[in-house]
């Protein structure tokens, strides 16, 4: 099994399941792989990175996957580690409003205090044009 496969499997499931158990399940599967002797070794680093990235990046696709992200953020901040915040917002119609009805300016004003690393705009209504 390749790292990209772990990334996508973990990511898709993390969108609908809690991140932490999904991560642990795939990490356990990776550790049982015949080419890995122990979970925490150099050979397993690419698989663990793929699993982690899939769980974190796609775990926020739904509210179900967000709780562990908030927990990790709180623990990291408690220890003085700043985690980059990446925010995604969906534009729902030609008026340029978000799912919550905000204009993009209002959305930015509501999140700028968090000092996001990036803000991604997604299109839910315009189609491919």
C-alpha atoms as a PDB file:
ATOM      1  CA  UNK A   1       0.000   0.000   0.000  1.00  0.00           C
ATOM      2  CA  UNK A   2       1.323   3.433  -0.977  1.00  0.00           C
ATOM      3  CA  UNK A   3       1.233   6.631   1.148  1.00  0.00           C
ATOM      4  CA  UNK A   4      -1.181   8.343  -1.277  1.00  0.00           C
ATOM      5  CA  UNK A   5      -3.671   5.527  -0.701  1.00  0.00           C
ATOM      6  CA  UNK A   6      -3.506   6.010   3.063  1.00  0.00           C
ATOM      7  CA  UNK A   7      -3.928   9.774   2.545  1.00  0.00           C
ATOM      8  CA  UNK A   8      -7.158   9.389   0.537  1.00  0.00           C
ATOM      9  CA  UNK A   9      -8.677   6.557   2.575  1.00  0.00           C
ATOM     10  CA  UNK A  10      -8.011   8.324   5.873  1.00  0.00           C
ATOM     11  CA  UNK A  11      -9.140  11.669   4.477  1.00  0.00           C
ATOM     12  CA  UNK A  12     -12.434  10.475   3.051  1.00  0.00           C
ATOM     13  CA  UNK A  13     -13.351   8.576   6.194  1.00  0.00           C
ATOM     14  CA  UNK A  14     -12.250  11.479   8.423  1.00  0.00           C
ATOM     15  CA  UNK A  15     -14.808  13.653   6.657  1.00  0.00           C
ATOM     16  CA  UNK A  16     -17.596  11.535   8.131  1.00  0.00           C
ATOM     17  CA  UNK A  17     -16.006   9.908  11.177  1.00  0.00           C
ATOM     18  CA  UNK A  18     -14.109  11.365  14.114  1.00  0.00           C
ATOM     19  CA  UNK A  19     -10.481  12.087  13.132  1.00  0.00           C
ATOM     20  CA  UNK A  20      -8.743  10.506  16.116  1.00  0.00           C
ATOM     21  CA  UNK A  21     -10.134   6.957  15.812  1.00  0.00           C
ATOM     22  CA  UNK A  22      -9.804   7.095  12.020  1.00  0.00           C
ATOM     23  CA  UNK A  23      -6.143   8.121  12.343  1.00  0.00           C
ATOM     24  CA  UNK A  24      -5.458   5.410  14.925  1.00  0.00           C
ATOM     25  CA  UNK A  25      -7.160   2.750  12.826  1.00  0.00           C
ATOM     26  CA  UNK A  26      -5.080   3.537   9.743  1.00  0.00           C
ATOM     27  CA  UNK A  27      -1.879   3.915  11.784  1.00  0.00           C
ATOM     28  CA  UNK A  28      -2.519   0.466  13.252  1.00  0.00           C
ATOM     29  CA  UNK A  29      -3.104  -0.953   9.768  1.00  0.00           C
ATOM     30  CA  UNK A  30       0.125   0.687   8.566  1.00  0.00           C
ATOM     31  CA  UNK A  31       2.039  -0.793  11.521  1.00  0.00           C
ATOM     32  CA  UNK A  32       0.781  -4.247  10.611  1.00  0.00           C
ATOM     33  CA  UNK A  33       2.074  -3.912   7.069  1.00  0.00           C
ATOM     34  CA  UNK A  34       4.735  -6.559   6.304  1.00  0.00           C
ATOM     35  CA  UNK A  35       7.309  -3.930   5.403  1.00  0.00           C
ATOM     36  CA  UNK A  36       7.020  -2.122   8.752  1.00  0.00           C
ATOM     37  CA  UNK A  37       8.588  -3.606  11.831  1.00  0.00           C
ATOM     38  CA  UNK A  38       7.570  -0.962  14.361  1.00  0.00           C
ATOM     39  CA  UNK A  39       5.101   1.898  14.017  1.00  0.00           C
ATOM     40  CA  UNK A  40       7.527   4.663  15.002  1.00  0.00           C
ATOM     41  CA  UNK A  41      10.522   4.206  12.742  1.00  0.00           C
ATOM     42  CA  UNK A  42      11.984   5.967   9.741  1.00  0.00           C
ATOM     43  CA  UNK A  43      10.394   3.584   7.235  1.00  0.00           C
ATOM     44  CA  UNK A  44       6.893   4.358   8.507  1.00  0.00           C
ATOM     45  CA  UNK A  45       7.278   8.165   8.406  1.00  0.00           C
ATOM     46  CA  UNK A  46       5.804   8.627   4.883  1.00  0.00           C
ATOM     47  CA  UNK A  47       2.787   6.473   5.758  1.00  0.00           C
ATOM     48  CA  UNK A  48       2.186   8.252   9.065  1.00  0.00           C
ATOM     49  CA  UNK A  49       2.557  11.647   7.351  1.00  0.00           C
ATOM     50  CA  UNK A  50       0.017  10.626   4.700  1.00  0.00           C
ATOM     51  CA  UNK A  51      -2.410   9.378   7.356  1.00  0.00           C
ATOM     52  CA  UNK A  52      -1.989  12.548   9.435  1.00  0.00           C
ATOM     53  CA  UNK A  53      -2.433  14.883   6.471  1.00  0.00           C
ATOM     54  CA  UNK A  54      -5.498  13.020   5.214  1.00  0.00           C
ATOM     55  CA  UNK A  55      -7.149  13.131   8.649  1.00  0.00           C
ATOM     56  CA  UNK A  56      -6.371  16.802   9.234  1.00  0.00           C
ATOM     57  CA  UNK A  57      -6.974  18.238   5.760  1.00  0.00           C
ATOM     58  CA  UNK A  58     -10.194  16.367   5.040  1.00  0.00           C
ATOM     59  CA  UNK A  59     -11.398  15.925   8.609  1.00  0.00           C
ATOM     60  CA  UNK A  60     -12.671  19.484   8.549  1.00  0.00           C
ATOM     61  CA  UNK A  61     -14.978  18.826   5.587  1.00  0.00           C
ATOM     62  CA  UNK A  62     -17.807  18.268   8.051  1.00  0.00           C
ATOM     63  CA  UNK A  63     -18.428  19.295  11.664  1.00  0.00           C
ATOM     64  CA  UNK A  64     -18.019  15.682  12.775  1.00  0.00           C
ATOM     65  CA  UNK A  65     -14.318  15.742  11.959  1.00  0.00           C
ATOM     66  CA  UNK A  66     -13.578  19.148  13.516  1.00  0.00           C
ATOM     67  CA  UNK A  67     -13.613  18.383  17.257  1.00  0.00           C
ATOM     68  CA  UNK A  68     -10.227  16.606  17.325  1.00  0.00           C
ATOM     69  CA  UNK A  69      -8.693  19.481  15.354  1.00  0.00           C
ATOM     70  CA  UNK A  70      -9.830  21.912  18.053  1.00  0.00           C
ATOM     71  CA  UNK A  71      -8.449  19.598  20.737  1.00  0.00           C
ATOM     72  CA  UNK A  72      -5.034  19.389  19.048  1.00  0.00           C
ATOM     73  CA  UNK A  73      -4.997  23.168  18.570  1.00  0.00           C
ATOM     74  CA  UNK A  74      -5.771  23.762  22.257  1.00  0.00           C
ATOM     75  CA  UNK A  75      -3.034  21.359  23.404  1.00  0.00           C
ATOM     76  CA  UNK A  76      -0.503  22.895  21.010  1.00  0.00           C
ATOM     77  CA  UNK A  77      -1.319  26.451  22.113  1.00  0.00           C
ATOM     78  CA  UNK A  78      -1.111  25.400  25.760  1.00  0.00           C
ATOM     79  CA  UNK A  79       2.456  24.277  25.026  1.00  0.00           C
ATOM     80  CA  UNK A  80       3.315  27.407  23.052  1.00  0.00           C
ATOM     81  CA  UNK A  81       3.212  25.853  19.583  1.00  0.00           C
ATOM     82  CA  UNK A  82       1.373  27.876  16.930  1.00  0.00           C
ATOM     83  CA  UNK A  83      -0.469  25.692  14.434  1.00  0.00           C
ATOM     84  CA  UNK A  84      -1.261  27.245  11.044  1.00  0.00           C
ATOM     85  CA  UNK A  85      -4.993  27.731  10.547  1.00  0.00           C
ATOM     86  CA  UNK A  86      -6.312  26.992   7.056  1.00  0.00           C
ATOM     87  CA  UNK A  87      -9.896  28.090   6.416  1.00  0.00           C
ATOM     88  CA  UNK A  88     -12.203  27.167   3.562  1.00  0.00           C
ATOM     89  CA  UNK A  89     -15.353  29.092   2.670  1.00  0.00           C
ATOM     90  CA  UNK A  90     -18.012  28.122   0.138  1.00  0.00           C
ATOM     91  CA  UNK A  91     -19.650  30.666  -2.146  1.00  0.00           C
ATOM     92  CA  UNK A  92     -23.227  29.554  -2.725  1.00  0.00           C
ATOM     93  CA  UNK A  93     -24.627  31.802  -5.429  1.00  0.00           C
ATOM     94  CA  UNK A  94     -23.832  34.598  -7.868  1.00  0.00           C
ATOM     95  CA  UNK A  95     -24.304  37.224  -5.157  1.00  0.00           C
ATOM     96  CA  UNK A  96     -20.982  36.049  -3.718  1.00  0.00           C
ATOM     97  CA  UNK A  97     -22.414  35.124  -0.339  1.00  0.00           C
ATOM     98  CA  UNK A  98     -21.206  32.264   1.832  1.00  0.00           C
ATOM     99  CA  UNK A  99     -23.308  29.373   3.136  1.00  0.00           C
ATOM    100  CA  UNK A 100     -24.095  31.447   6.232  1.00  0.00           C
ATOM    101  CA  UNK A 101     -25.238  34.385   4.078  1.00  0.00           C
ATOM    102  CA  UNK A 102     -22.215  36.597   4.718  1.00  0.00           C
ATOM    103  CA  UNK A 103     -20.488  38.652   2.056  1.00  0.00           C
ATOM    104  CA  UNK A 104     -16.808  37.793   1.575  1.00  0.00           C
ATOM    105  CA  UNK A 105     -15.823  41.037   3.326  1.00  0.00           C
ATOM    106  CA  UNK A 106     -17.997  40.190   6.341  1.00  0.00           C
ATOM    107  CA  UNK A 107     -16.609  36.652   6.392  1.00  0.00           C
ATOM    108  CA  UNK A 108     -13.036  37.930   6.426  1.00  0.00           C
ATOM    109  CA  UNK A 109     -13.804  40.405   9.215  1.00  0.00           C
ATOM    110  CA  UNK A 110     -15.274  37.529  11.255  1.00  0.00           C
ATOM    111  CA  UNK A 111     -12.141  35.340  10.912  1.00  0.00           C
ATOM    112  CA  UNK A 112      -9.200  37.748  10.707  1.00  0.00           C
ATOM    113  CA  UNK A 113      -8.667  37.731  14.493  1.00  0.00           C
ATOM    114  CA  UNK A 114      -7.578  34.079  14.125  1.00  0.00           C
ATOM    115  CA  UNK A 115      -4.732  35.097  11.783  1.00  0.00           C
ATOM    116  CA  UNK A 116      -5.330  32.298   9.266  1.00  0.00           C
ATOM    117  CA  UNK A 117      -2.405  30.916   7.285  1.00  0.00           C
ATOM    118  CA  UNK A 118      -4.665  30.606   4.234  1.00  0.00           C
ATOM    119  CA  UNK A 119      -8.264  31.136   3.143  1.00  0.00           C
ATOM    120  CA  UNK A 120      -9.601  29.016   0.277  1.00  0.00           C
ATOM    121  CA  UNK A 121     -12.720  29.971  -1.673  1.00  0.00           C
ATOM    122  CA  UNK A 122     -14.785  27.111  -3.090  1.00  0.00           C
ATOM    123  CA  UNK A 123     -17.596  27.328  -5.594  1.00  0.00           C
ATOM    124  CA  UNK A 124     -20.804  25.430  -4.895  1.00  0.00           C
ATOM    125  CA  UNK A 125     -23.112  26.936  -7.469  1.00  0.00           C
ATOM    126  CA  UNK A 126     -21.450  28.347 -10.555  1.00  0.00           C
ATOM    127  CA  UNK A 127     -20.520  25.054 -12.153  1.00  0.00           C
ATOM    128  CA  UNK A 128     -17.338  24.563 -14.166  1.00  0.00           C
ATOM    129  CA  UNK A 129     -17.563  27.926 -15.945  1.00  0.00           C
END
